[in-house]
Amino acid sequence: MIENNINLFTGIGKRKTSVAKVFLKEGSGILTVNNKSFDDFFSGIKEEQEFIKSPFLLVDLSNQYNIDIKVKGGGISSQLDAIRLAIAKAVCMINSNYRQILNQKLMLRRDSRIKERRKYGLKKARKASQYSKR
């Protein structure tokens, strides 16, 4: 077995209940999500591919790295946000100077809003049954 000395950069991003792990390898810009192509995994939202690659576009690294993504949990929107955060963190590992550029555009900020738990005696987290005075 011949071992290649390929630089591998990783990043983890979270949003709501989605968790994304990103692995960047030097290559031609191929995007795979859970061992499928991006178009197969996120069918019907091809426009979002530019949203995911926006950290690369800010630091002029587009089509220099292959992106392998493992994502689970949540819905489509939260998965896309988790992937973008993970990519931004991985790009910061490539060169520490990129951190300042991405931080100015708020790409390294985690959106910590999650669904509030349901409380007993209520129908939802805050929705109560209608109060009747008489």
N, C-alpha and C. Protein backbone atom coordinates (compact mmCIF):
# COMPACT_ATOMS: atom_id res chain seq x y z
N MET A 1 0.83 -1.18 0.00
CA MET A 1 0.00 0.00 0.00
C MET A 1 0.88 1.25 0.00
N ILE A 2 0.61 2.11 -0.93
CA ILE A 2 1.33 3.37 -1.01
C ILE A 2 0.49 4.45 -0.35
N GLU A 3 1.10 5.16 0.57
CA GLU A 3 0.36 6.20 1.28
C GLU A 3 0.68 7.55 0.67
N ASN A 4 -0.37 8.26 0.27
CA ASN A 4 -0.19 9.59 -0.31
C ASN A 4 -0.21 10.64 0.78
N ASN A 5 0.64 11.62 0.66
CA ASN A 5 0.66 12.72 1.61
C ASN A 5 -0.28 13.83 1.12
N ILE A 6 -1.58 13.57 1.26
CA ILE A 6 -2.59 14.53 0.84
C ILE A 6 -3.06 15.29 2.07
N ASN A 7 -3.08 16.61 1.96
CA ASN A 7 -3.58 17.42 3.06
C ASN A 7 -5.09 17.25 3.18
N LEU A 8 -5.54 16.95 4.38
CA LEU A 8 -6.96 16.75 4.65
C LEU A 8 -7.37 17.74 5.72
N PHE A 9 -8.34 18.59 5.39
CA PHE A 9 -8.83 19.60 6.33
C PHE A 9 -10.26 19.25 6.70
N THR A 10 -10.58 19.34 7.99
CA THR A 10 -11.92 18.95 8.44
C THR A 10 -12.59 20.10 9.18
N GLY A 11 -13.91 20.03 9.23
CA GLY A 11 -14.69 21.00 9.98
C GLY A 11 -16.03 20.40 10.34
N ILE A 12 -16.57 20.80 11.47
CA ILE A 12 -17.87 20.32 11.93
C ILE A 12 -18.79 21.52 12.12
N GLY A 13 -20.00 21.41 11.59
CA GLY A 13 -20.98 22.48 11.72
C GLY A 13 -22.29 21.92 12.23
N LYS A 14 -23.00 22.72 13.03
CA LYS A 14 -24.29 22.30 13.58
C LYS A 14 -25.32 23.41 13.37
N ARG A 15 -26.57 23.01 13.19
CA ARG A 15 -27.69 23.94 13.08
C ARG A 15 -28.96 23.18 13.41
N LYS A 16 -29.73 23.65 14.39
CA LYS A 16 -30.90 22.96 14.91
C LYS A 16 -30.50 21.55 15.31
N THR A 17 -31.01 20.52 14.63
CA THR A 17 -30.61 19.15 14.98
C THR A 17 -29.71 18.53 13.92
N SER A 18 -29.25 19.32 12.96
CA SER A 18 -28.37 18.82 11.90
C SER A 18 -26.91 18.92 12.33
N VAL A 19 -26.15 17.90 11.95
CA VAL A 19 -24.71 17.90 12.19
C VAL A 19 -24.03 17.55 10.87
N ALA A 20 -23.08 18.38 10.46
CA ALA A 20 -22.36 18.15 9.20
C ALA A 20 -20.86 18.06 9.48
N LYS A 21 -20.23 17.06 8.89
CA LYS A 21 -18.78 16.91 8.95
C LYS A 21 -18.26 17.06 7.53
N VAL A 22 -17.26 17.93 7.36
CA VAL A 22 -16.74 18.23 6.03
C VAL A 22 -15.26 17.85 5.97
N PHE A 23 -14.87 17.22 4.87
CA PHE A 23 -13.48 16.84 4.63
C PHE A 23 -13.05 17.47 3.31
N LEU A 24 -12.02 18.29 3.36
CA LEU A 24 -11.49 18.96 2.16
C LEU A 24 -10.20 18.30 1.74
N LYS A 25 -10.15 17.87 0.47
CA LYS A 25 -8.92 17.31 -0.12
C LYS A 25 -8.62 18.10 -1.37
N GLU A 26 -7.35 18.24 -1.67
CA GLU A 26 -6.97 18.96 -2.88
C GLU A 26 -7.51 18.21 -4.09
N GLY A 27 -8.12 18.96 -5.01
CA GLY A 27 -8.72 18.32 -6.17
C GLY A 27 -9.31 19.35 -7.11
N SER A 28 -10.43 18.96 -7.75
CA SER A 28 -11.01 19.80 -8.80
C SER A 28 -12.36 20.39 -8.43
N GLY A 29 -12.77 20.32 -7.18
CA GLY A 29 -14.02 20.95 -6.75
C GLY A 29 -15.23 20.03 -6.79
N ILE A 30 -15.03 18.72 -6.67
CA ILE A 30 -16.14 17.77 -6.68
C ILE A 30 -16.82 17.79 -5.31
N LEU A 31 -18.16 17.86 -5.32
CA LEU A 31 -18.95 17.93 -4.09
C LEU A 31 -19.71 16.63 -3.91
N THR A 32 -19.46 15.89 -2.82
CA THR A 32 -20.23 14.69 -2.54
C THR A 32 -20.83 14.81 -1.15
N VAL A 33 -22.10 14.40 -1.03
CA VAL A 33 -22.82 14.44 0.24
C VAL A 33 -23.28 13.02 0.55
N ASN A 34 -22.83 12.46 1.66
CA ASN A 34 -23.16 11.09 2.07
C ASN A 34 -22.94 10.10 0.94
N ASN A 35 -21.79 10.18 0.29
CA ASN A 35 -21.37 9.30 -0.81
C ASN A 35 -22.27 9.40 -2.04
N LYS A 36 -23.00 10.49 -2.20
CA LYS A 36 -23.80 10.75 -3.39
C LYS A 36 -23.37 12.10 -3.93
N SER A 37 -23.66 12.36 -5.20
CA SER A 37 -23.36 13.69 -5.72
C SER A 37 -24.31 14.70 -5.08
N PHE A 38 -23.92 15.97 -5.10
CA PHE A 38 -24.74 17.01 -4.48
C PHE A 38 -26.12 17.07 -5.12
N ASP A 39 -26.18 16.94 -6.45
CA ASP A 39 -27.46 17.03 -7.16
C ASP A 39 -28.39 15.88 -6.80
N ASP A 40 -27.83 14.69 -6.55
CA ASP A 40 -28.67 13.55 -6.18
C ASP A 40 -29.18 13.68 -4.75
N PHE A 41 -28.34 14.15 -3.84
CA PHE A 41 -28.74 14.23 -2.43
C PHE A 41 -29.72 15.38 -2.20
N PHE A 42 -29.41 16.56 -2.72
CA PHE A 42 -30.31 17.72 -2.60
C PHE A 42 -30.95 17.96 -3.96
N SER A 43 -31.82 17.07 -4.39
CA SER A 43 -32.44 17.23 -5.71
C SER A 43 -33.44 18.38 -5.68
N GLY A 44 -33.42 19.18 -6.71
CA GLY A 44 -34.36 20.28 -6.85
C GLY A 44 -33.87 21.61 -6.30
N ILE A 45 -32.73 21.65 -5.62
CA ILE A 45 -32.23 22.92 -5.10
C ILE A 45 -30.79 23.13 -5.55
N LYS A 46 -30.61 23.18 -6.85
CA LYS A 46 -29.28 23.35 -7.40
C LYS A 46 -28.70 24.73 -7.08
N GLU A 47 -29.58 25.74 -6.85
CA GLU A 47 -29.11 27.09 -6.56
C GLU A 47 -28.34 27.13 -5.25
N GLU A 48 -28.66 26.23 -4.34
CA GLU A 48 -28.04 26.24 -3.02
C GLU A 48 -26.58 25.80 -3.06
N GLN A 49 -26.13 25.27 -4.17
CA GLN A 49 -24.73 24.85 -4.28
C GLN A 49 -23.81 26.07 -4.16
N GLU A 50 -24.24 27.21 -4.68
CA GLU A 50 -23.45 28.44 -4.55
C GLU A 50 -23.46 28.94 -3.11
N PHE A 51 -24.60 28.74 -2.40
CA PHE A 51 -24.70 29.13 -0.99
C PHE A 51 -23.69 28.35 -0.15
N ILE A 52 -23.54 27.07 -0.45
CA ILE A 52 -22.61 26.21 0.29
C ILE A 52 -21.17 26.60 -0.02
N LYS A 53 -20.88 26.92 -1.27
CA LYS A 53 -19.51 27.23 -1.68
C LYS A 53 -19.11 28.68 -1.41
N SER A 54 -19.98 29.48 -0.79
CA SER A 54 -19.67 30.89 -0.57
C SER A 54 -18.42 31.13 0.28
N PRO A 55 -18.07 30.27 1.28
CA PRO A 55 -16.79 30.50 1.96
C PRO A 55 -15.58 30.37 1.02
N PHE A 56 -15.66 29.48 0.05
CA PHE A 56 -14.58 29.34 -0.93
C PHE A 56 -14.49 30.57 -1.83
N LEU A 57 -15.63 31.10 -2.23
CA LEU A 57 -15.64 32.26 -3.12
C LEU A 57 -15.06 33.50 -2.44
N LEU A 58 -15.28 33.62 -1.13
CA LEU A 58 -14.75 34.79 -0.41
C LEU A 58 -13.23 34.80 -0.34
N VAL A 59 -12.63 33.62 -0.25
CA VAL A 59 -11.17 33.55 -0.10
C VAL A 59 -10.48 33.08 -1.39
N ASP A 60 -11.22 33.07 -2.50
CA ASP A 60 -10.70 32.71 -3.84
C ASP A 60 -10.07 31.32 -3.88
N LEU A 61 -10.77 30.33 -3.35
CA LEU A 61 -10.29 28.95 -3.39
C LEU A 61 -11.22 28.05 -4.19
N SER A 62 -12.10 28.61 -5.00
CA SER A 62 -13.10 27.79 -5.68
C SER A 62 -12.43 26.81 -6.64
N ASN A 63 -12.95 25.58 -6.66
CA ASN A 63 -12.50 24.47 -7.52
C ASN A 63 -11.05 24.06 -7.28
N GLN A 64 -10.54 24.26 -6.07
CA GLN A 64 -9.21 23.78 -5.73
C GLN A 64 -9.26 22.60 -4.77
N TYR A 65 -10.41 22.37 -4.16
CA TYR A 65 -10.56 21.30 -3.17
C TYR A 65 -11.81 20.48 -3.46
N ASN A 66 -11.68 19.16 -3.33
CA ASN A 66 -12.84 18.28 -3.36
C ASN A 66 -13.47 18.30 -1.98
N ILE A 67 -14.79 18.35 -1.93
CA ILE A 67 -15.51 18.46 -0.66
C ILE A 67 -16.30 17.19 -0.44
N ASP A 68 -15.98 16.47 0.64
CA ASP A 68 -16.72 15.27 1.03
C ASP A 68 -17.49 15.60 2.30
N ILE A 69 -18.81 15.47 2.25
CA ILE A 69 -19.67 15.90 3.35
C ILE A 69 -20.44 14.71 3.91
N LYS A 70 -20.46 14.61 5.22
CA LYS A 70 -21.32 13.65 5.93
C LYS A 70 -22.29 14.47 6.76
N VAL A 71 -23.59 14.33 6.50
CA VAL A 71 -24.59 15.13 7.20
C VAL A 71 -25.72 14.23 7.66
N LYS A 72 -26.27 14.56 8.85
CA LYS A 72 -27.40 13.78 9.36
C LYS A 72 -28.27 14.68 10.22
N GLY A 73 -29.53 14.32 10.34
CA GLY A 73 -30.47 15.01 11.19
C GLY A 73 -31.05 16.26 10.55
N GLY A 74 -32.17 16.71 11.08
CA GLY A 74 -32.77 17.97 10.66
C GLY A 74 -33.38 17.92 9.28
N GLY A 75 -33.72 19.09 8.77
CA GLY A 75 -34.31 19.21 7.44
C GLY A 75 -33.31 19.76 6.46
N ILE A 76 -33.79 20.05 5.26
CA ILE A 76 -32.91 20.48 4.18
C ILE A 76 -32.23 21.81 4.53
N SER A 77 -33.01 22.77 5.00
CA SER A 77 -32.46 24.10 5.29
C SER A 77 -31.41 24.06 6.39
N SER A 78 -31.70 23.34 7.46
CA SER A 78 -30.72 23.28 8.56
C SER A 78 -29.49 22.49 8.16
N GLN A 79 -29.64 21.48 7.30
CA GLN A 79 -28.49 20.74 6.81
C GLN A 79 -27.59 21.63 5.96
N LEU A 80 -28.19 22.46 5.11
CA LEU A 80 -27.40 23.37 4.27
C LEU A 80 -26.64 24.38 5.13
N ASP A 81 -27.29 24.91 6.16
CA ASP A 81 -26.60 25.87 7.05
C ASP A 81 -25.47 25.19 7.82
N ALA A 82 -25.69 23.95 8.27
CA ALA A 82 -24.65 23.22 8.98
C ALA A 82 -23.46 22.93 8.07
N ILE A 83 -23.74 22.60 6.82
CA ILE A 83 -22.67 22.32 5.85
C ILE A 83 -21.85 23.58 5.59
N ARG A 84 -22.51 24.73 5.43
CA ARG A 84 -21.78 25.96 5.16
C ARG A 84 -20.88 26.35 6.33
N LEU A 85 -21.36 26.17 7.56
CA LEU A 85 -20.55 26.47 8.74
C LEU A 85 -19.34 25.53 8.81
N ALA A 86 -19.57 24.24 8.52
CA ALA A 86 -18.47 23.27 8.55
C ALA A 86 -17.42 23.58 7.49
N ILE A 87 -17.86 23.99 6.31
CA ILE A 87 -16.91 24.35 5.25
C ILE A 87 -16.11 25.58 5.65
N ALA A 88 -16.77 26.56 6.26
CA ALA A 88 -16.06 27.77 6.69
C ALA A 88 -15.01 27.44 7.74
N LYS A 89 -15.32 26.53 8.67
CA LYS A 89 -14.35 26.13 9.68
C LYS A 89 -13.18 25.38 9.06
N ALA A 90 -13.46 24.54 8.06
CA ALA A 90 -12.39 23.80 7.40
C ALA A 90 -11.49 24.73 6.59
N VAL A 91 -12.07 25.76 5.96
CA VAL A 91 -11.28 26.72 5.20
C VAL A 91 -10.34 27.48 6.13
N CYS A 92 -10.78 27.75 7.36
CA CYS A 92 -9.92 28.43 8.33
C CYS A 92 -8.71 27.59 8.70
N MET A 93 -8.84 26.26 8.63
CA MET A 93 -7.71 25.39 8.93
C MET A 93 -6.67 25.41 7.81
N ILE A 94 -7.09 25.74 6.59
CA ILE A 94 -6.16 25.82 5.47
C ILE A 94 -5.15 26.94 5.71
N ASN A 95 -5.68 28.12 6.05
CA ASN A 95 -4.82 29.28 6.30
C ASN A 95 -5.49 30.13 7.38
N SER A 96 -4.75 30.46 8.42
CA SER A 96 -5.34 31.21 9.53
C SER A 96 -5.72 32.64 9.15
N ASN A 97 -5.20 33.16 8.05
CA ASN A 97 -5.56 34.50 7.60
C ASN A 97 -6.99 34.56 7.07
N TYR A 98 -7.53 33.42 6.65
CA TYR A 98 -8.90 33.38 6.13
C TYR A 98 -9.93 33.59 7.24
N ARG A 99 -9.54 33.33 8.48
CA ARG A 99 -10.48 33.46 9.61
C ARG A 99 -11.05 34.87 9.71
N GLN A 100 -10.19 35.87 9.52
CA GLN A 100 -10.64 37.25 9.63
C GLN A 100 -11.63 37.61 8.53
N ILE A 101 -11.38 37.14 7.32
CA ILE A 101 -12.27 37.42 6.19
C ILE A 101 -13.63 36.79 6.41
N LEU A 102 -13.65 35.52 6.84
CA LEU A 102 -14.91 34.82 7.05
C LEU A 102 -15.66 35.36 8.27
N ASN A 103 -14.91 35.82 9.27
CA ASN A 103 -15.53 36.35 10.48
C ASN A 103 -16.25 37.66 10.19
N GLN A 104 -15.72 38.46 9.28
CA GLN A 104 -16.36 39.72 8.92
C GLN A 104 -17.70 39.48 8.24
N LYS A 105 -17.81 38.40 7.48
CA LYS A 105 -19.06 38.07 6.79
C LYS A 105 -19.97 37.17 7.65
N LEU A 106 -19.61 36.97 8.93
CA LEU A 106 -20.38 36.19 9.91
C LEU A 106 -20.60 34.74 9.50
N MET A 107 -19.64 34.16 8.79
CA MET A 107 -19.78 32.77 8.36
C MET A 107 -19.29 31.79 9.40
N LEU A 108 -18.58 32.26 10.42
CA LEU A 108 -18.09 31.37 11.46
C LEU A 108 -19.00 31.40 12.69
N ARG A 109 -20.15 32.03 12.57
CA ARG A 109 -21.07 32.16 13.70
C ARG A 109 -22.13 31.06 13.62
N ARG A 110 -22.27 30.32 14.72
CA ARG A 110 -23.26 29.25 14.77
C ARG A 110 -24.61 29.82 15.15
N ASP A 111 -25.66 29.42 14.42
CA ASP A 111 -27.02 29.84 14.75
C ASP A 111 -27.55 28.86 15.79
N SER A 112 -27.64 29.30 17.03
CA SER A 112 -27.93 28.38 18.14
C SER A 112 -29.41 28.20 18.42
N ARG A 113 -30.28 28.74 17.56
CA ARG A 113 -31.72 28.60 17.81
C ARG A 113 -32.16 27.16 17.55
N ILE A 114 -32.76 26.55 18.54
CA ILE A 114 -33.30 25.20 18.40
C ILE A 114 -34.74 25.19 18.88
N LYS A 115 -35.46 24.14 18.58
CA LYS A 115 -36.86 24.05 18.96
C LYS A 115 -36.98 23.94 20.47
N GLU A 116 -37.92 24.72 21.02
CA GLU A 116 -38.13 24.73 22.46
C GLU A 116 -38.95 23.50 22.86
N ARG A 117 -38.64 22.93 24.01
CA ARG A 117 -39.34 21.72 24.44
C ARG A 117 -40.77 22.02 24.88
N ARG A 118 -41.62 21.02 24.76
CA ARG A 118 -43.01 21.14 25.18
C ARG A 118 -43.08 21.01 26.69
N LYS A 119 -43.86 21.92 27.32
CA LYS A 119 -44.05 21.86 28.77
C LYS A 119 -45.36 21.16 29.09
N TYR A 120 -45.39 20.49 30.24
CA TYR A 120 -46.61 19.77 30.62
C TYR A 120 -47.72 20.77 30.93
N GLY A 121 -48.96 20.40 30.65
CA GLY A 121 -50.09 21.28 30.86
C GLY A 121 -50.37 22.20 29.69
N LEU A 122 -49.45 22.26 28.70
CA LEU A 122 -49.62 23.10 27.52
C LEU A 122 -49.72 22.23 26.28
N LYS A 123 -50.28 22.79 25.22
CA LYS A 123 -50.43 22.04 23.97
C LYS A 123 -49.11 21.98 23.19
N LYS A 124 -48.39 23.10 23.19
CA LYS A 124 -47.07 23.15 22.56
C LYS A 124 -46.11 23.77 23.56
N ALA A 125 -45.00 24.35 23.11
CA ALA A 125 -44.02 24.91 24.04
C ALA A 125 -44.62 26.05 24.86
N ARG A 126 -45.43 26.89 24.22
CA ARG A 126 -46.01 28.03 24.92
C ARG A 126 -47.51 28.14 24.74
N LYS A 127 -48.09 27.36 23.84
CA LYS A 127 -49.52 27.46 23.55
C LYS A 127 -50.33 26.76 24.63
N ALA A 128 -51.22 27.52 25.26
CA ALA A 128 -52.09 26.95 26.29
C ALA A 128 -53.51 26.91 25.75
N SER A 129 -54.35 26.11 26.39
CA SER A 129 -55.75 26.09 25.99
C SER A 129 -56.40 27.41 26.39
N GLN A 130 -57.47 27.76 25.72
CA GLN A 130 -58.09 29.07 25.90
C GLN A 130 -58.65 29.21 27.32
N TYR A 131 -58.38 30.35 27.92
CA TYR A 131 -58.83 30.61 29.30
C TYR A 131 -60.29 31.09 29.26
N SER A 132 -61.11 30.50 30.08
CA SER A 132 -62.51 30.89 30.18
C SER A 132 -62.79 31.43 31.57
N LYS A 133 -63.25 32.67 31.65
CA LYS A 133 -63.52 33.26 32.96
C LYS A 133 -64.83 32.75 33.55
N ARG A 134 -65.84 32.52 32.71
CA ARG A 134 -67.15 32.03 33.19
C ARG A 134 -67.56 30.77 32.48
